Protein backbone atom coordinates (compact mmCIF):
# COMPACT_ATOMS: atom_id res chain seq x y z
CA MET A 1 19.87 17.60 18.21
CA LEU A 2 19.48 19.00 15.12
CA ALA A 3 19.71 22.52 16.48
CA TYR A 4 23.28 21.49 17.98
CA LEU A 5 24.42 20.28 14.93
CA ASP A 6 23.18 23.41 13.10
CA GLU A 7 25.00 25.67 15.39
CA VAL A 8 28.25 23.53 15.29
CA VAL A 9 28.16 23.38 11.64
CA GLU A 10 27.67 27.53 11.35
CA GLU A 11 30.25 28.06 13.87
CA SER A 12 33.07 25.79 12.49
CA GLY A 13 32.27 27.02 8.78
CA LEU A 14 31.65 23.07 7.86
CA GLY A 15 28.27 23.72 5.68
CA PRO A 16 30.16 23.68 2.27
CA ARG A 17 32.15 20.94 3.21
CA ILE A 18 28.78 18.71 3.60
CA HIS A 19 27.12 17.19 0.98
CA HIS A 20 23.44 15.99 2.15
CA ARG A 21 21.45 13.15 0.46
CA HIS A 22 24.61 11.33 -1.20
CA ARG A 23 24.90 7.54 -0.82
CA VAL A 24 28.75 6.19 -0.98
CA THR A 25 28.45 2.73 -2.86
CA ALA A 26 32.22 1.87 -3.28
CA ALA A 27 35.85 2.50 -2.03
CA SER A 28 38.68 1.46 -3.72
CA TRP A 29 42.29 1.74 -2.64
CA SER A 30 45.59 2.38 -4.92
CA THR A 31 48.65 1.65 -3.82
CA GLY A 32 50.29 3.03 -6.84
CA GLU A 33 48.32 6.58 -6.53
CA ARG A 34 48.36 6.14 -2.89
CA ARG A 35 44.74 7.14 -3.18
CA TRP A 36 41.48 6.16 -2.34
CA THR A 37 38.65 6.61 -4.88
CA VAL A 38 35.16 6.64 -3.54
CA GLU A 39 31.80 6.12 -5.65
CA VAL A 40 28.88 8.39 -5.04
CA THR A 41 25.31 8.60 -5.88
CA ARG A 42 23.50 11.91 -5.65
CA GLU A 43 20.14 10.24 -4.26
CA ASP A 44 18.11 13.63 -5.66
CA THR A 45 19.19 13.42 -9.11
CA GLY A 46 20.88 9.85 -9.40
CA GLU A 47 24.30 11.86 -10.62
CA GLN A 48 27.37 9.38 -10.12
CA LEU A 49 30.20 10.81 -8.80
CA ARG A 50 33.78 10.26 -7.92
CA LEU A 51 35.73 11.44 -4.95
CA THR A 52 39.63 10.84 -4.60
CA ALA A 53 41.31 11.39 -0.83
CA GLY A 54 44.42 10.45 0.61
CA PHE A 55 42.85 9.02 3.89
CA LEU A 56 39.40 7.68 4.26
CA TRP A 57 37.64 8.27 7.64
CA MET A 58 34.04 6.22 8.23
CA CYS A 59 32.29 7.75 10.60
CA GLN A 60 28.53 6.15 9.51
CA GLY A 61 27.75 4.54 12.87
CA TYR A 62 26.70 0.86 12.72
CA TYR A 63 22.97 0.98 12.37
CA ASP A 64 21.60 -0.50 8.76
CA HIS A 65 19.30 2.29 7.93
CA ARG A 66 17.51 0.77 5.13
CA ARG A 67 16.44 -2.53 6.67
CA ALA A 68 14.63 -2.84 9.96
CA HIS A 69 15.12 -5.89 11.89
CA THR A 70 11.50 -7.32 12.14
CA PRO A 71 10.84 -11.03 12.77
CA GLU A 72 8.28 -12.76 10.62
CA TRP A 73 5.33 -13.84 13.04
CA PRO A 74 2.34 -16.21 11.93
CA GLY A 75 -0.79 -14.56 10.81
CA MET A 76 0.76 -11.32 10.40
CA ASP A 77 -0.87 -10.99 6.88
CA ARG A 78 -4.44 -11.42 7.95
CA PHE A 79 -4.06 -8.41 10.63
CA ARG A 80 -6.30 -5.57 9.86
CA GLY A 81 -4.55 -3.18 11.48
CA GLU A 82 -1.35 -1.15 10.50
CA VAL A 83 2.05 -2.68 11.51
CA VAL A 84 4.96 -0.15 11.66
CA HIS A 85 8.47 -0.12 12.69
CA PRO A 86 10.06 2.99 14.63
CA GLN A 87 12.90 2.97 11.98
CA HIS A 88 9.93 3.43 8.90
CA TRP A 89 7.97 5.57 10.92
CA PRO A 90 5.22 7.22 8.67
CA ASP A 91 4.60 10.74 8.79
CA ASP A 92 0.87 10.14 8.63
CA LEU A 93 0.32 7.63 11.26
CA ASP A 94 -2.51 8.78 13.77
CA THR A 95 -2.38 6.65 16.82
CA ALA A 96 -5.21 9.02 18.91
CA GLY A 97 -7.87 7.12 20.50
CA LYS A 98 -6.50 3.66 19.42
CA ARG A 99 -5.46 0.55 21.07
CA VAL A 100 -1.71 0.27 20.31
CA VAL A 101 0.87 -2.90 21.02
CA VAL A 102 4.34 -2.24 20.92
CA ILE A 103 6.53 -5.30 20.35
CA GLY A 104 9.80 -5.25 22.21
CA SER A 105 11.34 -3.97 25.49
CA GLY A 106 14.69 -1.81 24.70
CA ALA A 107 15.38 1.94 24.79
CA THR A 108 12.91 1.94 21.59
CA ALA A 109 10.00 1.03 23.12
CA ALA A 110 10.53 2.83 26.54
CA THR A 111 10.45 5.90 24.25
CA VAL A 112 7.70 5.15 21.95
CA VAL A 113 5.33 3.72 24.97
CA PRO A 114 4.99 7.09 26.81
CA ALA A 115 4.85 9.19 23.96
CA LEU A 116 2.12 7.24 22.48
CA ALA A 117 0.25 6.53 25.65
CA GLN A 118 -0.26 10.39 25.78
CA THR A 119 -3.02 10.37 23.05
CA ALA A 120 -3.89 6.69 22.36
CA ALA A 121 -6.59 4.63 24.22
CA HIS A 122 -4.15 2.45 25.28
CA VAL A 123 -0.59 1.25 24.80
CA THR A 124 0.34 -2.44 25.79
CA MET A 125 4.38 -2.83 25.83
CA LEU A 126 4.45 -6.87 24.94
CA GLN A 127 7.96 -7.97 25.41
CA ARG A 128 9.67 -11.70 25.33
CA SER A 129 12.14 -11.01 28.11
CA PRO A 130 12.52 -7.76 30.43
CA THR A 131 15.12 -4.82 30.31
CA PHE A 132 16.94 -3.21 33.14
CA PHE A 133 15.17 0.54 33.42
CA ILE A 134 16.58 2.99 35.32
CA ALA A 135 14.88 6.40 35.94
CA ARG A 136 16.85 9.71 35.62
CA PRO A 137 15.54 13.66 35.67
CA LYS A 138 15.68 15.63 32.81
CA THR A 139 17.66 18.37 34.59
CA HIS A 140 20.41 17.17 36.90
CA GLU A 141 19.85 18.12 40.43
CA LEU A 142 23.43 19.33 40.29
CA ALA A 143 23.09 21.23 37.79
CA VAL A 144 19.97 23.17 39.61
CA THR A 145 22.29 23.51 42.51
CA LEU A 146 25.46 24.95 40.35
CA ARG A 147 23.27 27.35 38.57
CA ALA A 148 21.37 28.67 41.63
CA LEU A 149 25.05 29.44 42.93
CA ASP A 150 25.90 31.43 39.75
CA VAL A 151 28.73 29.19 38.91
CA PRO A 152 30.40 29.71 35.19
CA GLU A 153 28.54 27.84 32.57
CA ASP A 154 32.06 26.63 31.68
CA TRP A 155 32.66 25.31 35.10
CA THR A 156 29.09 23.63 35.18
CA HIS A 157 29.55 21.72 32.19
CA GLU A 158 32.59 20.16 33.26
CA ILE A 159 31.28 19.19 36.62
CA LEU A 160 28.28 17.74 35.13
CA ARG A 161 30.43 15.74 32.48
CA ARG A 162 32.43 14.66 35.40
CA ALA A 163 29.58 13.70 37.40
CA HIS A 164 28.16 11.80 34.52
CA ILE A 165 31.14 9.96 33.41
CA ALA A 166 31.64 8.88 37.38
CA GLU A 167 28.44 7.53 37.80
CA GLY A 168 28.68 5.63 34.31
CA ASP A 169 31.77 4.21 35.90
CA GLU A 170 30.64 3.01 39.05
CA LEU A 171 27.69 1.34 37.36
CA GLN A 172 29.85 -0.92 35.11
CA ARG A 173 32.05 -1.42 37.95
CA MET A 174 29.48 -2.85 39.88
CA SER A 175 28.05 -4.97 36.86
CA PHE A 176 31.25 -6.90 36.61
CA GLU A 177 32.41 -7.15 40.26
CA THR A 178 29.14 -7.05 42.19
CA PRO A 179 26.36 -7.77 39.55
CA ASP A 180 23.74 -9.51 42.28
CA GLU A 181 23.96 -6.37 44.12
CA LEU A 182 23.48 -3.73 41.27
CA ARG A 183 20.49 -6.08 40.25
CA THR A 184 18.74 -5.21 43.32
CA PHE A 185 19.63 -1.74 43.41
CA LEU A 186 18.14 -1.27 39.78
CA ILE A 187 14.84 -3.29 40.80
CA GLU A 188 14.56 -1.43 44.11
CA GLU A 189 14.98 1.85 42.59
CA MET A 190 12.14 0.92 39.94
CA ARG A 191 9.73 -0.53 42.38
CA PRO A 192 8.12 2.78 44.23
CA LEU A 193 8.01 4.20 40.87
CA LEU A 194 5.25 1.42 39.63
CA PRO A 195 1.81 1.08 40.13
CA GLU A 196 1.24 -0.98 43.52
CA GLY A 197 1.36 -4.65 43.12
CA PHE A 198 3.22 -4.40 40.06
CA ASP A 199 5.25 -7.68 39.40
CA VAL A 200 8.59 -6.00 39.34
CA GLU A 201 10.36 -9.37 39.30
CA ARG A 202 8.47 -10.94 36.26
CA HIS A 203 8.25 -7.66 34.30
CA PHE A 204 11.64 -5.86 34.99
CA SER A 205 14.52 -7.94 35.99
CA PRO A 206 16.13 -9.60 33.22
CA SER A 207 17.87 -13.25 32.78
CA TYR A 208 21.13 -11.81 32.09
CA ARG A 209 23.70 -9.66 34.07
CA PRO A 210 23.00 -5.71 34.27
CA TRP A 211 24.70 -3.92 31.89
CA GLN A 212 25.60 -7.19 29.55
CA GLN A 213 22.91 -5.47 27.35
CA ARG A 214 22.04 -1.75 27.84
CA LEU A 215 20.29 -0.03 30.83
CA ALA A 216 17.14 2.13 29.11
CA VAL A 217 17.27 5.35 30.82
CA LEU A 218 13.64 7.02 31.46
CA PRO A 219 13.66 10.72 31.44
CA ASP A 220 11.58 11.67 34.33
CA GLY A 221 10.86 7.98 34.49
CA ASP A 222 7.96 8.54 31.88
CA LEU A 223 7.12 5.26 31.38
CA PHE A 224 6.43 4.40 34.83
CA THR A 225 4.21 7.42 34.95
CA ALA A 226 2.25 6.17 31.96
CA LEU A 227 1.81 2.39 33.84
CA ARG A 228 0.62 4.17 36.87
CA GLY A 229 -1.81 6.20 35.03
CA GLY A 230 -2.98 3.29 33.55
CA THR A 231 -2.52 4.59 29.84
CA ALA A 232 -0.05 2.09 29.51
CA SER A 233 0.59 -1.52 30.33
CA VAL A 234 3.56 -4.32 30.55
CA VAL A 235 3.04 -8.06 29.11
CA THR A 236 5.46 -10.55 29.18
CA ASP A 237 4.81 -13.38 27.09
CA THR A 238 5.67 -15.03 23.21
CA ILE A 239 3.53 -14.44 20.49
CA GLU A 240 1.82 -17.63 19.04
CA THR A 241 0.12 -15.54 16.42
CA PHE A 242 -1.37 -12.42 14.75
CA THR A 243 -5.20 -12.33 14.35
CA GLU A 244 -7.64 -10.31 12.56
CA THR A 245 -7.88 -7.77 15.56
CA GLY A 246 -4.71 -8.34 17.52
CA ILE A 247 -2.42 -10.89 19.02
CA ARG A 248 -2.92 -14.04 20.49
CA LEU A 249 -0.09 -15.06 22.89
CA ALA A 250 1.37 -18.51 23.96
CA SER A 251 -0.52 -18.13 27.03
CA GLY A 252 -3.73 -17.91 25.45
CA GLU A 253 -4.53 -14.36 26.09
CA GLU A 254 -5.27 -12.15 23.22
CA LEU A 255 -4.37 -8.63 23.08
CA GLU A 256 -6.75 -6.19 20.68
CA ALA A 257 -4.94 -3.96 18.66
CA ASP A 258 -5.59 -0.97 16.13
CA VAL A 259 -1.87 -0.44 15.75
CA VAL A 260 1.01 -2.87 16.37
CA VAL A 261 4.46 -1.03 16.32
CA THR A 262 7.75 -3.47 16.11
CA ALA A 263 9.97 -2.23 18.38
CA THR A 264 12.08 -5.11 17.72
CA GLY A 265 15.48 -3.63 16.98
CA PHE A 266 17.95 -3.13 14.15
CA ASP A 267 20.63 -4.99 12.38
CA LEU A 268 24.54 -4.20 12.30
CA SER A 269 25.88 -2.67 8.93
CA VAL A 270 29.43 -3.26 8.45
CA PHE A 271 30.80 0.24 7.31
CA GLY A 272 27.62 1.13 5.67
CA ASP A 273 27.87 -1.72 2.99
CA VAL A 274 30.05 0.04 1.05
CA ALA A 275 31.98 -2.27 -0.98
CA PHE A 276 35.73 -2.07 -0.39
CA THR A 277 38.62 -3.21 -2.59
CA VAL A 278 42.64 -2.84 -2.34
CA ASP A 279 44.25 -2.87 -5.34
CA GLY A 280 41.45 -4.49 -7.26
CA GLU A 281 40.96 -7.27 -4.67
CA PRO A 282 37.57 -7.43 -2.64
CA VAL A 283 37.83 -6.87 1.14
CA ASP A 284 36.35 -9.51 3.13
CA PHE A 285 36.37 -7.88 6.49
CA THR A 286 35.14 -11.28 8.20
CA GLU A 287 38.59 -12.23 7.70
CA ARG A 288 40.51 -9.03 8.74
CA VAL A 289 41.17 -8.07 12.34
CA THR A 290 40.54 -4.84 14.51
CA TYR A 291 43.56 -2.38 15.25
CA ARG A 292 42.46 -0.95 18.15
CA GLY A 293 38.56 -0.59 17.17
CA ILE A 294 40.09 2.21 15.22
CA MET A 295 41.66 0.86 11.99
CA ILE A 296 41.29 -2.74 9.80
CA THR A 297 44.44 -4.95 8.97
CA GLY A 298 45.46 -4.58 5.42
CA VAL A 299 43.23 -1.79 4.73
CA PRO A 300 45.78 1.49 4.13
CA ASN A 301 44.89 4.73 5.34
CA MET A 302 41.39 4.01 6.53
CA ALA A 303 40.33 4.68 10.21
CA TYR A 304 36.44 4.20 11.67
CA VAL A 305 34.23 5.58 14.63
CA PHE A 306 32.65 3.18 17.15
CA GLY A 307 31.74 4.11 20.28
CA TYR A 308 30.86 2.69 23.60
CA PHE A 309 28.30 0.65 24.56
CA ARG A 310 27.87 1.66 28.27
CA HIS A 311 28.75 5.02 27.88
CA SER A 312 28.08 8.22 25.58
CA TRP A 313 28.90 7.12 21.92
CA THR A 314 30.65 10.93 21.84
CA LEU A 315 32.98 9.81 24.69
CA ARG A 316 35.06 7.46 22.07
CA ALA A 317 34.09 9.79 18.92
CA ASP A 318 36.18 12.25 20.80
CA LEU A 319 39.08 9.81 21.82
CA VAL A 320 38.98 8.47 18.03
CA SER A 321 39.38 11.66 16.59
CA ALA A 322 42.30 12.80 18.97
CA PHE A 323 44.05 9.55 17.64
CA VAL A 324 43.61 10.05 14.00
CA CYS A 325 44.81 13.41 13.90
CA ARG A 326 47.69 12.34 15.86
CA LEU A 327 48.58 9.33 13.33
CA LEU A 328 47.98 11.68 10.88
CA GLU A 329 50.78 14.01 12.21
CA HIS A 330 52.88 11.19 13.04
CA MET A 331 52.97 10.28 9.56
CA ALA A 332 53.74 13.64 8.18
CA ALA A 333 56.71 13.99 10.67
CA ARG A 334 58.33 11.04 9.20
CA GLY A 335 57.59 11.61 5.49
CA ALA A 336 54.87 8.65 5.06
CA GLU A 337 51.79 8.65 3.04
CA VAL A 338 50.47 5.40 3.81
CA VAL A 339 50.03 3.31 7.10
CA VAL A 340 48.83 -0.02 6.97
CA PRO A 341 47.74 -2.19 10.36
CA THR A 342 49.87 -5.30 9.96
CA LEU A 343 50.06 -8.00 12.45
CA ARG A 344 53.35 -8.40 14.09
CA PRO A 345 55.61 -11.83 13.66
CA GLU A 346 54.71 -12.71 17.00
CA ASP A 347 50.89 -12.57 16.28
CA ALA A 348 51.11 -15.25 13.86
CA ASP A 349 49.52 -17.94 16.11
CA MET A 350 47.06 -15.46 17.46
CA PRO A 351 43.50 -16.72 17.55
CA LEU A 352 41.27 -14.60 16.09
CA LEU A 353 37.82 -14.20 18.47
CA PRO A 354 34.63 -12.87 17.45
CA TRP A 355 33.63 -9.46 17.11
CA ALA A 356 32.08 -9.32 20.45
CA ASP A 357 32.38 -11.80 23.57
CA PRO A 358 28.57 -12.67 24.72
CA GLU A 359 29.88 -12.96 28.01
CA ASN A 360 30.73 -9.26 28.10
CA PHE A 361 27.63 -8.00 25.98
CA ASN A 362 24.97 -9.86 24.39
CA ALA A 363 22.16 -7.62 22.95
CA GLY A 364 20.22 -9.35 19.92
CA TYR A 365 21.77 -6.97 17.16
CA VAL A 366 25.32 -8.12 18.51
CA VAL A 367 24.63 -11.88 18.35
CA ARG A 368 22.77 -11.69 15.15
CA SER A 369 25.52 -9.93 13.24
CA GLN A 370 28.67 -11.76 14.79
CA HIS A 371 29.22 -13.50 11.22
CA LEU A 372 29.19 -10.35 9.26
CA LEU A 373 31.84 -8.37 11.29
CA PHE A 374 35.63 -8.51 11.48
CA LYS A 375 37.57 -10.32 14.61
CA ARG A 376 39.64 -9.33 17.24
CA GLY A 377 42.63 -10.76 18.86
CA ASP A 378 43.54 -11.81 22.22
CA ARG A 379 46.40 -8.89 22.80
CA GLU A 380 47.17 -5.24 22.22
CA PRO A 381 46.97 -3.70 19.82
CA TRP A 382 44.18 -5.97 18.04
CA THR A 383 41.46 -5.88 20.89
CA HIS A 384 38.48 -3.49 21.11
CA LEU A 385 35.18 -2.68 23.04
CA LYS A 386 36.98 -1.55 25.81
CA GLU A 387 35.38 0.85 28.46
CA TYR A 388 35.92 4.48 28.81
CA VAL A 389 37.65 4.11 32.02
CA GLU A 390 40.48 2.52 30.27
CA GLU A 391 40.71 4.16 27.15
CA ARG A 392 40.62 7.59 28.24
CA ASP A 393 44.18 6.78 29.58
CA THR A 394 45.77 4.30 26.91
CA LEU A 395 44.33 5.62 23.64
CA PRO A 396 46.07 9.05 24.16
CA ALA A 397 49.50 7.07 24.98
CA ALA A 398 49.26 4.27 22.50
CA ASP A 399 52.75 3.52 20.52
CA LEU A 400 51.81 4.85 16.89
CA ASP A 401 54.80 2.43 15.86
CA ASP A 402 53.18 -0.44 17.21
CA GLY A 403 51.42 -2.84 14.91
CA LEU A 404 51.10 -0.26 12.12
CA ARG A 405 53.70 -0.21 9.14
CA TYR A 406 54.32 3.01 7.30
CA SER A 407 55.85 3.77 3.78
């Protein structure tokens, strides 16, 4: 990933425009100046900088990178081993030959467990509730076929891109239209890859609908390989307390551990926890409404990137980028310097709904953070969190005069 980013930066001449180790702390809009002023701290020197811009584009993602989500369990203070969270992984952590318990069942746990199992004495994945897993080869079979036929690389890329998107669209469609059928499919796909006698229904059949939380993809089924090899195991239970030597579960079972990895997720961060003001007034985002999942009511000349839960994040980043470029061109064409998402007269009685609908997506980090986030409406253009299959057609055709006020 870093090699790819370095290549893009070099090819595009972006190096001089990127400022590393700079933390944005505040952003203030002045209607009189029609400018954003952004307060920045250089983390290496502590120097305070002030940057101005006519348009502000927030591309900070949605993780809280400073604070990981770690529940407090009884007895943690008496555990004699080491407790680490993947978000703050110490460089000097050595798990070779040690007993490791990984608390969690999501994509992070599914990544950490097989990696640690290569050298640890044993790794136990301790989960309160299961996750749907799906094994995929690191190299797509279609890619092997196309390259064997000496198909031009650009064609291969485009064909594979379409194949991945089509597969994602089909899984997403089934999750809404035939969830029981999809559940059966996912379980039966896992069953032959697991150790004989493994209780798939207990350990890998969640209570929620498929795709109500993320499917965790296993490259070459590496987690299943570790389970078959006996270097890893799965326990589904709740924690009663930490002990001096490990964890005691509600069932009474004790898991001995030298290292405990809390792969317990993260919390959302609203626009990087940057303090926003508009004409001197603090912006309370919990009282604002999204515009197409790209802008915020009452906040001028500001856009943000938020991707998909069920497709690659970058698919929506591409669509949002094209939308913002089209918006800037539209502003220039009509001689406007300011654009503000503004509710229309017909939206006066519109109900304001939570940021996400739990019936659609109910991952823990979403449920925990709803009270911090902006709202959505029940009509266009005040909705968001749509699927790629719809937005790839609707966003490029969106009316730039609907819900946007120019001056």
